[in-house]
């Protein structure tokens, strides 16, 4: 990615945090990024819609890069899942732009998140697979299927807690070890 393109995407995210996705304009993003409108259209020929969609996807990717960085050194699958949920939810709560958009215009954010969801799910699945393969699995467990199942569930818990108190580390531990990993990891290997 070029430096100009990254600057435009960062400007779009910042602008969305101030005015929302609905009021985001190519002109304001160009001004914030220090480029002309023509430069925006050269990088995003689809205009505002493409810019908005790619800015959301870019920011989601940056979120996961930070989260994975926070999980560095955690090699145990169960602990990694627990910390991923806890730290992932904390990062989301601290993300001012995301919180503003979720609070004011969730209907505008959801279509953009839906577009990037398959890529995010595949990335999380691929990230988890080596940790699953290193775990003591229940005989007959397919690591690819287990990674897909865990990725889908972890992502859903990052967005909504359901009946679980995901601010309570003990509740997250019970969720991960008693529910998510049941049938995947041999019971005797979970502490």
N, C-alpha and C. Protein backbone atom coordinates (compact mmCIF):
# COMPACT_ATOMS: atom_id res chain seq x y z
N UNK A 1 0.85 -1.17 0.00
CA UNK A 1 0.00 0.00 0.00
C UNK A 1 0.89 1.24 0.00
N UNK A 2 0.53 2.18 -0.82
CA UNK A 2 1.32 3.40 -0.89
C UNK A 2 1.06 4.27 0.33
N UNK A 3 2.01 5.16 0.59
CA UNK A 3 1.88 6.08 1.72
C UNK A 3 0.67 7.00 1.51
N UNK A 4 0.43 7.43 0.28
CA UNK A 4 -0.70 8.32 0.00
C UNK A 4 -2.02 7.59 0.26
N UNK A 5 -2.11 6.37 -0.21
CA UNK A 5 -3.34 5.59 -0.01
C UNK A 5 -3.60 5.38 1.48
N UNK A 6 -2.57 5.04 2.24
CA UNK A 6 -2.72 4.85 3.69
C UNK A 6 -3.15 6.16 4.35
N UNK A 7 -2.59 7.28 3.91
CA UNK A 7 -2.96 8.57 4.47
C UNK A 7 -4.43 8.90 4.18
N UNK A 8 -4.88 8.56 2.98
CA UNK A 8 -6.28 8.78 2.62
C UNK A 8 -7.20 7.92 3.48
N UNK A 9 -6.85 6.65 3.65
CA UNK A 9 -7.68 5.76 4.47
C UNK A 9 -7.72 6.23 5.92
N UNK A 10 -6.57 6.64 6.45
CA UNK A 10 -6.54 7.15 7.83
C UNK A 10 -7.40 8.40 7.95
N UNK A 11 -7.33 9.26 6.95
CA UNK A 11 -8.14 10.49 6.97
C UNK A 11 -9.63 10.14 6.92
N UNK A 12 -9.99 9.15 6.13
CA UNK A 12 -11.40 8.74 6.04
C UNK A 12 -11.90 8.20 7.38
N UNK A 13 -11.08 7.41 8.05
CA UNK A 13 -11.46 6.88 9.36
C UNK A 13 -11.62 8.02 10.37
N UNK A 14 -10.66 8.95 10.38
CA UNK A 14 -10.75 10.09 11.30
C UNK A 14 -11.98 10.93 11.01
N UNK A 15 -12.24 11.18 9.74
CA UNK A 15 -13.40 11.99 9.35
C UNK A 15 -14.69 11.29 9.75
N UNK A 16 -14.76 9.99 9.53
CA UNK A 16 -15.96 9.23 9.92
C UNK A 16 -16.19 9.31 11.42
N UNK A 17 -15.10 9.33 12.18
CA UNK A 17 -15.21 9.44 13.63
C UNK A 17 -15.78 10.78 14.07
N UNK A 18 -15.59 11.80 13.26
CA UNK A 18 -16.11 13.12 13.60
C UNK A 18 -17.51 13.38 13.05
N UNK A 19 -17.73 13.00 11.79
CA UNK A 19 -19.01 13.36 11.16
C UNK A 19 -19.91 12.16 10.91
N UNK A 20 -19.39 10.95 11.06
CA UNK A 20 -20.17 9.75 10.76
C UNK A 20 -19.98 9.32 9.32
N UNK A 21 -20.41 8.11 9.03
CA UNK A 21 -20.27 7.56 7.68
C UNK A 21 -21.19 8.26 6.69
N UNK A 22 -22.39 8.60 7.14
CA UNK A 22 -23.37 9.22 6.25
C UNK A 22 -22.95 10.59 5.76
N UNK A 23 -22.25 11.34 6.57
CA UNK A 23 -21.84 12.69 6.20
C UNK A 23 -20.41 12.76 5.70
N UNK A 24 -19.77 11.62 5.57
CA UNK A 24 -18.40 11.57 5.04
C UNK A 24 -18.41 12.07 3.60
N UNK A 25 -17.49 12.97 3.27
CA UNK A 25 -17.42 13.46 1.89
C UNK A 25 -15.99 13.30 1.36
N UNK A 26 -15.90 13.10 0.06
CA UNK A 26 -14.60 12.98 -0.59
C UNK A 26 -13.80 14.26 -0.39
N UNK A 27 -14.46 15.40 -0.47
CA UNK A 27 -13.79 16.69 -0.31
C UNK A 27 -13.14 16.81 1.07
N UNK A 28 -13.90 16.46 2.11
CA UNK A 28 -13.37 16.59 3.47
C UNK A 28 -12.24 15.60 3.72
N UNK A 29 -12.36 14.39 3.19
CA UNK A 29 -11.29 13.41 3.34
C UNK A 29 -10.04 13.90 2.61
N UNK A 30 -10.21 14.44 1.41
CA UNK A 30 -9.07 14.95 0.65
C UNK A 30 -8.38 16.07 1.42
N UNK A 31 -9.16 16.98 1.98
CA UNK A 31 -8.58 18.08 2.75
C UNK A 31 -7.81 17.54 3.95
N UNK A 32 -8.41 16.63 4.67
CA UNK A 32 -7.77 16.05 5.86
C UNK A 32 -6.49 15.30 5.50
N UNK A 33 -6.51 14.61 4.36
CA UNK A 33 -5.34 13.83 3.93
C UNK A 33 -4.28 14.70 3.26
N UNK A 34 -4.64 15.94 2.94
CA UNK A 34 -3.68 16.83 2.27
C UNK A 34 -3.46 16.48 0.82
N UNK A 35 -4.52 15.98 0.16
CA UNK A 35 -4.44 15.63 -1.25
C UNK A 35 -5.64 16.27 -1.98
N UNK A 36 -5.59 16.26 -3.28
CA UNK A 36 -6.71 16.75 -4.07
C UNK A 36 -7.75 15.68 -4.29
N UNK A 37 -8.94 16.12 -4.68
CA UNK A 37 -10.03 15.17 -4.97
C UNK A 37 -9.62 14.17 -6.05
N UNK A 38 -8.88 14.66 -7.04
CA UNK A 38 -8.46 13.78 -8.14
C UNK A 38 -7.61 12.63 -7.61
N UNK A 39 -6.80 12.91 -6.61
CA UNK A 39 -5.97 11.85 -6.02
C UNK A 39 -6.85 10.80 -5.35
N UNK A 40 -7.90 11.25 -4.67
CA UNK A 40 -8.84 10.31 -4.04
C UNK A 40 -9.44 9.41 -5.12
N UNK A 41 -9.93 10.02 -6.19
CA UNK A 41 -10.58 9.24 -7.25
C UNK A 41 -9.59 8.36 -8.02
N UNK A 42 -8.34 8.74 -8.06
CA UNK A 42 -7.32 7.90 -8.70
C UNK A 42 -7.13 6.61 -7.87
N UNK A 43 -7.14 6.76 -6.55
CA UNK A 43 -6.97 5.60 -5.67
C UNK A 43 -8.28 4.85 -5.43
N UNK A 44 -9.39 5.56 -5.50
CA UNK A 44 -10.71 4.98 -5.22
C UNK A 44 -11.68 5.40 -6.32
N UNK A 45 -11.57 4.79 -7.49
CA UNK A 45 -12.39 5.20 -8.63
C UNK A 45 -13.90 5.05 -8.38
N UNK A 46 -14.25 4.25 -7.41
CA UNK A 46 -15.67 4.08 -7.06
C UNK A 46 -16.20 5.20 -6.18
N UNK A 47 -15.36 6.19 -5.91
CA UNK A 47 -15.80 7.36 -5.14
C UNK A 47 -16.04 7.07 -3.68
N UNK A 48 -16.98 7.79 -3.12
CA UNK A 48 -17.25 7.75 -1.68
C UNK A 48 -17.57 6.32 -1.20
N UNK A 49 -18.35 5.59 -1.98
CA UNK A 49 -18.74 4.24 -1.57
C UNK A 49 -17.52 3.34 -1.44
N UNK A 50 -16.64 3.35 -2.43
CA UNK A 50 -15.43 2.53 -2.38
C UNK A 50 -14.51 3.00 -1.26
N UNK A 51 -14.35 4.31 -1.13
CA UNK A 51 -13.50 4.87 -0.08
C UNK A 51 -14.00 4.44 1.30
N UNK A 52 -15.29 4.56 1.52
CA UNK A 52 -15.88 4.18 2.82
C UNK A 52 -15.68 2.70 3.09
N UNK A 53 -15.99 1.88 2.11
CA UNK A 53 -15.86 0.44 2.28
C UNK A 53 -14.42 0.03 2.56
N UNK A 54 -13.48 0.58 1.81
CA UNK A 54 -12.08 0.22 2.01
C UNK A 54 -11.53 0.79 3.31
N UNK A 55 -12.03 1.95 3.73
CA UNK A 55 -11.59 2.52 5.01
C UNK A 55 -12.05 1.65 6.18
N UNK A 56 -13.27 1.13 6.10
CA UNK A 56 -13.76 0.24 7.15
C UNK A 56 -12.93 -1.03 7.18
N UNK A 57 -12.69 -1.63 6.02
CA UNK A 57 -11.88 -2.85 5.95
C UNK A 57 -10.46 -2.60 6.46
N UNK A 58 -9.87 -1.48 6.09
CA UNK A 58 -8.52 -1.12 6.53
C UNK A 58 -8.48 -0.97 8.04
N UNK A 59 -9.47 -0.33 8.61
CA UNK A 59 -9.48 -0.11 10.06
C UNK A 59 -9.71 -1.43 10.81
N UNK A 60 -10.54 -2.30 10.26
CA UNK A 60 -10.74 -3.62 10.86
C UNK A 60 -9.42 -4.39 10.85
N UNK A 61 -8.69 -4.34 9.75
CA UNK A 61 -7.39 -5.01 9.67
C UNK A 61 -6.42 -4.45 10.71
N UNK A 62 -6.40 -3.13 10.86
CA UNK A 62 -5.52 -2.51 11.86
C UNK A 62 -5.90 -2.96 13.27
N UNK A 63 -7.18 -3.08 13.54
CA UNK A 63 -7.68 -3.56 14.83
C UNK A 63 -7.10 -4.95 15.13
N UNK A 64 -7.20 -5.85 14.15
CA UNK A 64 -6.71 -7.22 14.36
C UNK A 64 -5.19 -7.28 14.46
N UNK A 65 -4.49 -6.41 13.79
CA UNK A 65 -3.02 -6.37 13.92
C UNK A 65 -2.65 -6.00 15.35
N UNK A 66 -3.33 -5.01 15.91
CA UNK A 66 -3.07 -4.62 17.30
C UNK A 66 -3.42 -5.77 18.24
N UNK A 67 -4.57 -6.40 18.01
CA UNK A 67 -5.00 -7.50 18.88
C UNK A 67 -4.00 -8.65 18.84
N UNK A 68 -3.58 -9.06 17.66
CA UNK A 68 -2.61 -10.16 17.55
C UNK A 68 -1.30 -9.77 18.25
N UNK A 69 -0.91 -8.53 18.14
CA UNK A 69 0.29 -8.06 18.84
C UNK A 69 0.16 -8.21 20.35
N UNK A 70 -1.04 -7.98 20.86
CA UNK A 70 -1.27 -8.12 22.30
C UNK A 70 -1.27 -9.58 22.75
N UNK A 71 -1.46 -10.48 21.81
CA UNK A 71 -1.49 -11.91 22.14
C UNK A 71 -0.14 -12.60 21.93
N UNK A 72 0.85 -11.83 21.53
CA UNK A 72 2.18 -12.38 21.27
C UNK A 72 2.69 -13.11 22.52
N UNK A 73 3.23 -14.30 22.30
CA UNK A 73 3.79 -15.07 23.40
C UNK A 73 2.79 -16.00 24.08
N UNK A 74 1.53 -15.93 23.71
CA UNK A 74 0.51 -16.82 24.28
C UNK A 74 0.33 -17.97 23.29
N UNK A 75 0.90 -19.12 23.63
CA UNK A 75 0.89 -20.24 22.71
C UNK A 75 -0.19 -21.27 22.99
N UNK A 76 -0.73 -21.28 24.19
CA UNK A 76 -1.78 -22.22 24.56
C UNK A 76 -3.09 -21.79 23.92
N UNK A 77 -3.75 -22.68 23.21
CA UNK A 77 -4.98 -22.36 22.48
C UNK A 77 -6.06 -21.77 23.38
N UNK A 78 -6.33 -22.43 24.50
CA UNK A 78 -7.40 -21.95 25.39
C UNK A 78 -7.10 -20.55 25.92
N UNK A 79 -5.88 -20.35 26.38
CA UNK A 79 -5.50 -19.04 26.92
C UNK A 79 -5.53 -17.98 25.82
N UNK A 80 -5.09 -18.35 24.64
CA UNK A 80 -5.10 -17.40 23.51
C UNK A 80 -6.53 -16.98 23.17
N UNK A 81 -7.45 -17.94 23.15
CA UNK A 81 -8.85 -17.62 22.88
C UNK A 81 -9.43 -16.72 23.98
N UNK A 82 -9.14 -17.07 25.23
CA UNK A 82 -9.65 -16.26 26.35
C UNK A 82 -9.14 -14.83 26.26
N UNK A 83 -7.84 -14.70 26.09
CA UNK A 83 -7.25 -13.36 26.03
C UNK A 83 -7.68 -12.62 24.76
N UNK A 84 -7.88 -13.36 23.68
CA UNK A 84 -8.36 -12.75 22.45
C UNK A 84 -9.73 -12.12 22.64
N UNK A 85 -10.61 -12.82 23.33
CA UNK A 85 -11.95 -12.29 23.59
C UNK A 85 -11.87 -11.10 24.54
N UNK A 86 -11.15 -11.26 25.63
CA UNK A 86 -11.06 -10.18 26.64
C UNK A 86 -10.40 -8.94 26.05
N UNK A 87 -9.24 -9.12 25.45
CA UNK A 87 -8.51 -7.96 24.91
C UNK A 87 -9.19 -7.39 23.67
N UNK A 88 -9.78 -8.27 22.87
CA UNK A 88 -10.48 -7.81 21.67
C UNK A 88 -11.67 -6.93 22.01
N UNK A 89 -12.41 -7.33 23.03
CA UNK A 89 -13.57 -6.51 23.44
C UNK A 89 -13.10 -5.19 24.06
N UNK A 90 -12.01 -5.23 24.80
CA UNK A 90 -11.47 -4.00 25.39
C UNK A 90 -11.00 -3.05 24.30
N UNK A 91 -10.30 -3.58 23.30
CA UNK A 91 -9.85 -2.74 22.18
C UNK A 91 -11.03 -2.11 21.45
N UNK A 92 -12.08 -2.90 21.26
CA UNK A 92 -13.25 -2.38 20.57
C UNK A 92 -13.91 -1.27 21.39
N UNK A 93 -13.98 -1.45 22.69
CA UNK A 93 -14.59 -0.44 23.56
C UNK A 93 -13.76 0.85 23.57
N UNK A 94 -12.46 0.73 23.39
CA UNK A 94 -11.57 1.90 23.39
C UNK A 94 -11.49 2.59 22.04
N UNK A 95 -12.02 1.98 21.00
CA UNK A 95 -11.91 2.51 19.64
C UNK A 95 -12.96 3.61 19.46
N UNK A 96 -12.53 4.85 19.59
CA UNK A 96 -13.44 6.00 19.58
C UNK A 96 -14.25 6.09 18.29
N UNK A 97 -13.60 5.89 17.15
CA UNK A 97 -14.30 6.01 15.87
C UNK A 97 -15.37 4.93 15.77
N UNK A 98 -14.99 3.69 16.06
CA UNK A 98 -15.95 2.59 15.98
C UNK A 98 -17.13 2.84 16.91
N UNK A 99 -16.85 3.27 18.13
CA UNK A 99 -17.93 3.52 19.09
C UNK A 99 -18.87 4.61 18.60
N UNK A 100 -18.32 5.66 18.01
CA UNK A 100 -19.18 6.74 17.50
C UNK A 100 -20.08 6.21 16.40
N UNK A 101 -19.52 5.48 15.47
CA UNK A 101 -20.31 4.98 14.35
C UNK A 101 -21.34 3.95 14.83
N UNK A 102 -20.95 3.07 15.73
CA UNK A 102 -21.88 2.08 16.27
C UNK A 102 -23.02 2.77 17.02
N UNK A 103 -22.69 3.80 17.79
CA UNK A 103 -23.70 4.51 18.56
C UNK A 103 -24.64 5.35 17.70
N UNK A 104 -24.13 5.92 16.61
CA UNK A 104 -24.94 6.87 15.85
C UNK A 104 -25.50 6.33 14.54
N UNK A 105 -24.79 5.40 13.89
CA UNK A 105 -25.27 4.92 12.60
C UNK A 105 -24.89 3.46 12.34
N UNK A 106 -25.33 2.56 13.21
CA UNK A 106 -24.96 1.16 12.98
C UNK A 106 -25.47 0.62 11.65
N UNK A 107 -26.57 1.14 11.17
CA UNK A 107 -27.13 0.67 9.90
C UNK A 107 -26.21 0.99 8.72
N UNK A 108 -25.36 1.99 8.86
CA UNK A 108 -24.41 2.33 7.79
C UNK A 108 -23.13 1.48 7.90
N UNK A 109 -22.78 1.10 9.11
CA UNK A 109 -21.56 0.33 9.32
C UNK A 109 -21.73 -1.14 8.93
N UNK A 110 -22.88 -1.72 9.27
CA UNK A 110 -23.07 -3.15 9.08
C UNK A 110 -22.87 -3.63 7.64
N UNK A 111 -23.36 -2.92 6.62
CA UNK A 111 -23.09 -3.41 5.25
C UNK A 111 -21.60 -3.45 4.92
N UNK A 112 -20.85 -2.48 5.42
CA UNK A 112 -19.40 -2.47 5.15
C UNK A 112 -18.71 -3.60 5.91
N UNK A 113 -19.14 -3.85 7.14
CA UNK A 113 -18.57 -4.96 7.90
C UNK A 113 -18.92 -6.29 7.24
N UNK A 114 -20.13 -6.39 6.70
CA UNK A 114 -20.55 -7.63 6.03
C UNK A 114 -19.67 -7.93 4.83
N UNK A 115 -19.25 -6.88 4.12
CA UNK A 115 -18.39 -7.09 2.96
C UNK A 115 -17.03 -7.64 3.37
N UNK A 116 -16.50 -7.18 4.51
CA UNK A 116 -15.17 -7.64 4.92
C UNK A 116 -15.25 -8.88 5.81
N UNK A 117 -16.44 -9.28 6.24
CA UNK A 117 -16.59 -10.41 7.16
C UNK A 117 -15.96 -11.71 6.66
N UNK A 118 -16.16 -12.11 5.40
CA UNK A 118 -15.54 -13.37 4.97
C UNK A 118 -14.01 -13.33 5.06
N UNK A 119 -13.42 -12.20 4.72
CA UNK A 119 -11.96 -12.07 4.80
C UNK A 119 -11.50 -12.11 6.26
N UNK A 120 -12.22 -11.41 7.13
CA UNK A 120 -11.87 -11.39 8.56
C UNK A 120 -12.00 -12.81 9.13
N UNK A 121 -13.09 -13.48 8.82
CA UNK A 121 -13.31 -14.83 9.33
C UNK A 121 -12.21 -15.78 8.85
N UNK A 122 -11.84 -15.68 7.58
CA UNK A 122 -10.78 -16.54 7.03
C UNK A 122 -9.44 -16.22 7.68
N UNK A 123 -9.18 -14.96 7.94
CA UNK A 123 -7.92 -14.56 8.57
C UNK A 123 -7.83 -15.10 9.99
N UNK A 124 -8.92 -14.97 10.75
CA UNK A 124 -8.93 -15.48 12.13
C UNK A 124 -8.81 -17.00 12.11
N UNK A 125 -9.52 -17.65 11.19
CA UNK A 125 -9.43 -19.12 11.06
C UNK A 125 -7.99 -19.55 10.79
N UNK A 126 -7.35 -18.90 9.84
CA UNK A 126 -5.98 -19.26 9.49
C UNK A 126 -5.01 -18.95 10.63
N UNK A 127 -5.31 -17.90 11.38
CA UNK A 127 -4.47 -17.55 12.54
C UNK A 127 -4.58 -18.63 13.62
N UNK A 128 -5.77 -19.16 13.84
CA UNK A 128 -5.99 -20.13 14.92
C UNK A 128 -5.51 -21.54 14.57
N UNK A 129 -5.48 -21.86 13.31
CA UNK A 129 -5.19 -23.24 12.91
C UNK A 129 -3.90 -23.82 13.50
N UNK A 130 -2.76 -23.12 13.48
CA UNK A 130 -1.55 -23.72 14.06
C UNK A 130 -1.69 -24.00 15.57
N UNK A 131 -2.43 -23.16 16.28
CA UNK A 131 -2.64 -23.38 17.71
C UNK A 131 -3.54 -24.59 17.94
N UNK A 132 -4.50 -24.79 17.05
CA UNK A 132 -5.37 -25.97 17.13
C UNK A 132 -4.56 -27.23 16.82
N UNK A 133 -3.74 -27.16 15.79
CA UNK A 133 -2.93 -28.33 15.41
C UNK A 133 -1.94 -28.71 16.50
N UNK A 134 -1.52 -27.74 17.31
CA UNK A 134 -0.57 -28.02 18.40
C UNK A 134 -1.26 -28.53 19.66
N UNK A 135 -2.58 -28.42 19.71
CA UNK A 135 -3.33 -28.85 20.90
C UNK A 135 -3.58 -30.36 20.87
N UNK A 136 -3.93 -30.89 22.03
CA UNK A 136 -4.29 -32.30 22.16
C UNK A 136 -5.77 -32.42 21.77
N UNK A 137 -6.02 -32.77 20.52
CA UNK A 137 -7.39 -32.77 20.00
C UNK A 137 -8.13 -34.07 20.30
N UNK A 138 -9.44 -33.94 20.38
CA UNK A 138 -10.30 -35.11 20.47
C UNK A 138 -10.08 -35.92 19.19
N UNK A 139 -9.90 -37.23 19.29
CA UNK A 139 -9.70 -38.04 18.08
C UNK A 139 -10.79 -37.77 17.04
N UNK A 140 -10.38 -37.63 15.79
CA UNK A 140 -11.31 -37.40 14.70
C UNK A 140 -11.61 -35.92 14.44
N UNK A 141 -11.04 -35.04 15.24
CA UNK A 141 -11.27 -33.61 15.04
C UNK A 141 -10.49 -33.13 13.83
N UNK A 142 -11.18 -32.48 12.93
CA UNK A 142 -10.53 -31.89 11.76
C UNK A 142 -10.08 -30.48 12.13
N UNK A 143 -8.78 -30.21 12.10
CA UNK A 143 -8.29 -28.88 12.50
C UNK A 143 -8.89 -27.73 11.69
N UNK A 144 -9.14 -27.96 10.40
CA UNK A 144 -9.72 -26.91 9.56
C UNK A 144 -11.15 -26.60 10.01
N UNK A 145 -11.94 -27.64 10.27
CA UNK A 145 -13.31 -27.43 10.74
C UNK A 145 -13.32 -26.78 12.13
N UNK A 146 -12.42 -27.21 12.99
CA UNK A 146 -12.33 -26.64 14.33
C UNK A 146 -11.94 -25.17 14.26
N UNK A 147 -10.99 -24.84 13.39
CA UNK A 147 -10.55 -23.45 13.24
C UNK A 147 -11.68 -22.57 12.73
N UNK A 148 -12.45 -23.10 11.78
CA UNK A 148 -13.58 -22.36 11.24
C UNK A 148 -14.63 -22.13 12.33
N UNK A 149 -14.97 -23.16 13.07
CA UNK A 149 -15.94 -23.06 14.16
C UNK A 149 -15.50 -22.04 15.21
N UNK A 150 -14.25 -22.13 15.63
CA UNK A 150 -13.75 -21.21 16.66
C UNK A 150 -13.69 -19.77 16.15
N UNK A 151 -13.25 -19.59 14.92
CA UNK A 151 -13.17 -18.23 14.36
C UNK A 151 -14.55 -17.59 14.33
N UNK A 152 -15.54 -18.29 13.85
CA UNK A 152 -16.90 -17.75 13.78
C UNK A 152 -17.43 -17.39 15.17
N UNK A 153 -17.18 -18.27 16.12
CA UNK A 153 -17.68 -18.02 17.47
C UNK A 153 -16.94 -16.89 18.17
N UNK A 154 -15.64 -16.87 18.06
CA UNK A 154 -14.87 -15.80 18.70
C UNK A 154 -15.28 -14.45 18.13
N UNK A 155 -15.43 -14.37 16.80
CA UNK A 155 -15.85 -13.11 16.19
C UNK A 155 -17.23 -12.69 16.68
N UNK A 156 -18.14 -13.65 16.85
CA UNK A 156 -19.47 -13.28 17.33
C UNK A 156 -19.40 -12.77 18.77
N UNK A 157 -18.53 -13.34 19.59
CA UNK A 157 -18.41 -12.88 20.97
C UNK A 157 -17.68 -11.54 21.07
N UNK A 158 -16.87 -11.21 20.08
CA UNK A 158 -16.25 -9.88 20.08
C UNK A 158 -17.32 -8.81 19.85
N UNK A 159 -18.34 -9.14 19.08
CA UNK A 159 -19.38 -8.17 18.75
C UNK A 159 -20.50 -8.13 19.79
N UNK A 160 -20.87 -9.27 20.34
CA UNK A 160 -21.99 -9.31 21.29
C UNK A 160 -21.75 -10.42 22.29
N UNK A 161 -21.99 -10.13 23.56
CA UNK A 161 -21.68 -11.09 24.62
C UNK A 161 -22.78 -12.11 24.86
N UNK A 162 -23.97 -11.88 24.35
CA UNK A 162 -25.06 -12.78 24.65
C UNK A 162 -25.32 -12.78 26.14
N UNK A 163 -25.52 -13.94 26.71
CA UNK A 163 -25.80 -14.03 28.15
C UNK A 163 -24.53 -14.14 28.99
N UNK A 164 -23.37 -14.10 28.35
CA UNK A 164 -22.10 -14.22 29.06
C UNK A 164 -21.62 -12.85 29.53
N UNK A 165 -21.04 -12.80 30.73
CA UNK A 165 -20.40 -11.58 31.22
C UNK A 165 -18.95 -11.63 30.78
N UNK A 166 -18.67 -11.09 29.61
CA UNK A 166 -17.34 -11.21 29.03
C UNK A 166 -16.36 -10.19 29.59
N UNK A 167 -16.79 -9.43 30.58
CA UNK A 167 -15.87 -8.57 31.32
C UNK A 167 -15.30 -9.33 32.52
N UNK A 168 -15.83 -10.50 32.79
CA UNK A 168 -15.39 -11.35 33.90
C UNK A 168 -14.48 -12.44 33.34
N UNK A 169 -13.18 -12.40 33.66
CA UNK A 169 -12.25 -13.40 33.12
C UNK A 169 -12.66 -14.85 33.46
N UNK A 170 -13.28 -15.06 34.62
CA UNK A 170 -13.72 -16.42 34.96
C UNK A 170 -14.84 -16.89 34.04
N UNK A 171 -15.74 -15.98 33.68
CA UNK A 171 -16.83 -16.32 32.76
C UNK A 171 -16.26 -16.63 31.37
N UNK A 172 -15.28 -15.85 30.95
CA UNK A 172 -14.64 -16.10 29.65
C UNK A 172 -13.93 -17.45 29.67
N UNK A 173 -13.29 -17.75 30.77
CA UNK A 173 -12.61 -19.04 30.90
C UNK A 173 -13.62 -20.20 30.79
N UNK A 174 -14.75 -20.07 31.48
CA UNK A 174 -15.79 -21.11 31.39
C UNK A 174 -16.34 -21.23 29.97
N UNK A 175 -16.55 -20.09 29.32
CA UNK A 175 -17.05 -20.09 27.95
C UNK A 175 -16.08 -20.83 27.02
N UNK A 176 -14.82 -20.46 27.08
CA UNK A 176 -13.82 -21.04 26.18
C UNK A 176 -13.59 -22.51 26.48
N UNK A 177 -13.30 -22.82 27.74
CA UNK A 177 -12.92 -24.20 28.09
C UNK A 177 -14.10 -25.14 28.18
N UNK A 178 -15.25 -24.63 28.62
CA UNK A 178 -16.41 -25.49 28.80
C UNK A 178 -17.33 -25.57 27.60
N UNK A 179 -17.27 -24.55 26.73
CA UNK A 179 -18.18 -24.54 25.60
C UNK A 179 -17.45 -24.58 24.25
N UNK A 180 -16.63 -23.57 23.98
CA UNK A 180 -16.02 -23.46 22.67
C UNK A 180 -15.06 -24.61 22.36
N UNK A 181 -14.30 -25.05 23.36
CA UNK A 181 -13.32 -26.11 23.10
C UNK A 181 -13.85 -27.51 23.40
N UNK A 182 -15.06 -27.59 23.96
CA UNK A 182 -15.67 -28.91 24.22
C UNK A 182 -15.84 -29.63 22.87
N UNK A 183 -15.38 -30.84 22.80
CA UNK A 183 -15.48 -31.60 21.57
C UNK A 183 -14.35 -31.35 20.58
N UNK A 184 -13.48 -30.40 20.90
CA UNK A 184 -12.33 -30.11 20.03
C UNK A 184 -11.04 -30.54 20.71
N UNK A 185 -10.84 -30.05 21.94
CA UNK A 185 -9.64 -30.36 22.70
C UNK A 185 -9.96 -31.45 23.72
N UNK A 186 -9.06 -32.42 23.85
CA UNK A 186 -9.27 -33.51 24.81
C UNK A 186 -9.50 -32.93 26.20
N UNK A 187 -10.55 -33.38 26.90
CA UNK A 187 -10.89 -32.80 28.19
C UNK A 187 -9.75 -32.82 29.21
N UNK A 188 -8.96 -33.83 29.23
CA UNK A 188 -7.88 -33.93 30.19
C UNK A 188 -6.77 -32.92 29.97
N UNK A 189 -6.71 -32.34 28.78
CA UNK A 189 -5.63 -31.39 28.49
C UNK A 189 -6.01 -29.94 28.82
N UNK A 190 -7.28 -29.72 29.15
CA UNK A 190 -7.71 -28.37 29.55
C UNK A 190 -7.65 -28.26 31.06
N UNK A 191 -7.03 -27.19 31.54
CA UNK A 191 -6.88 -27.03 32.99
C UNK A 191 -8.04 -26.25 33.55
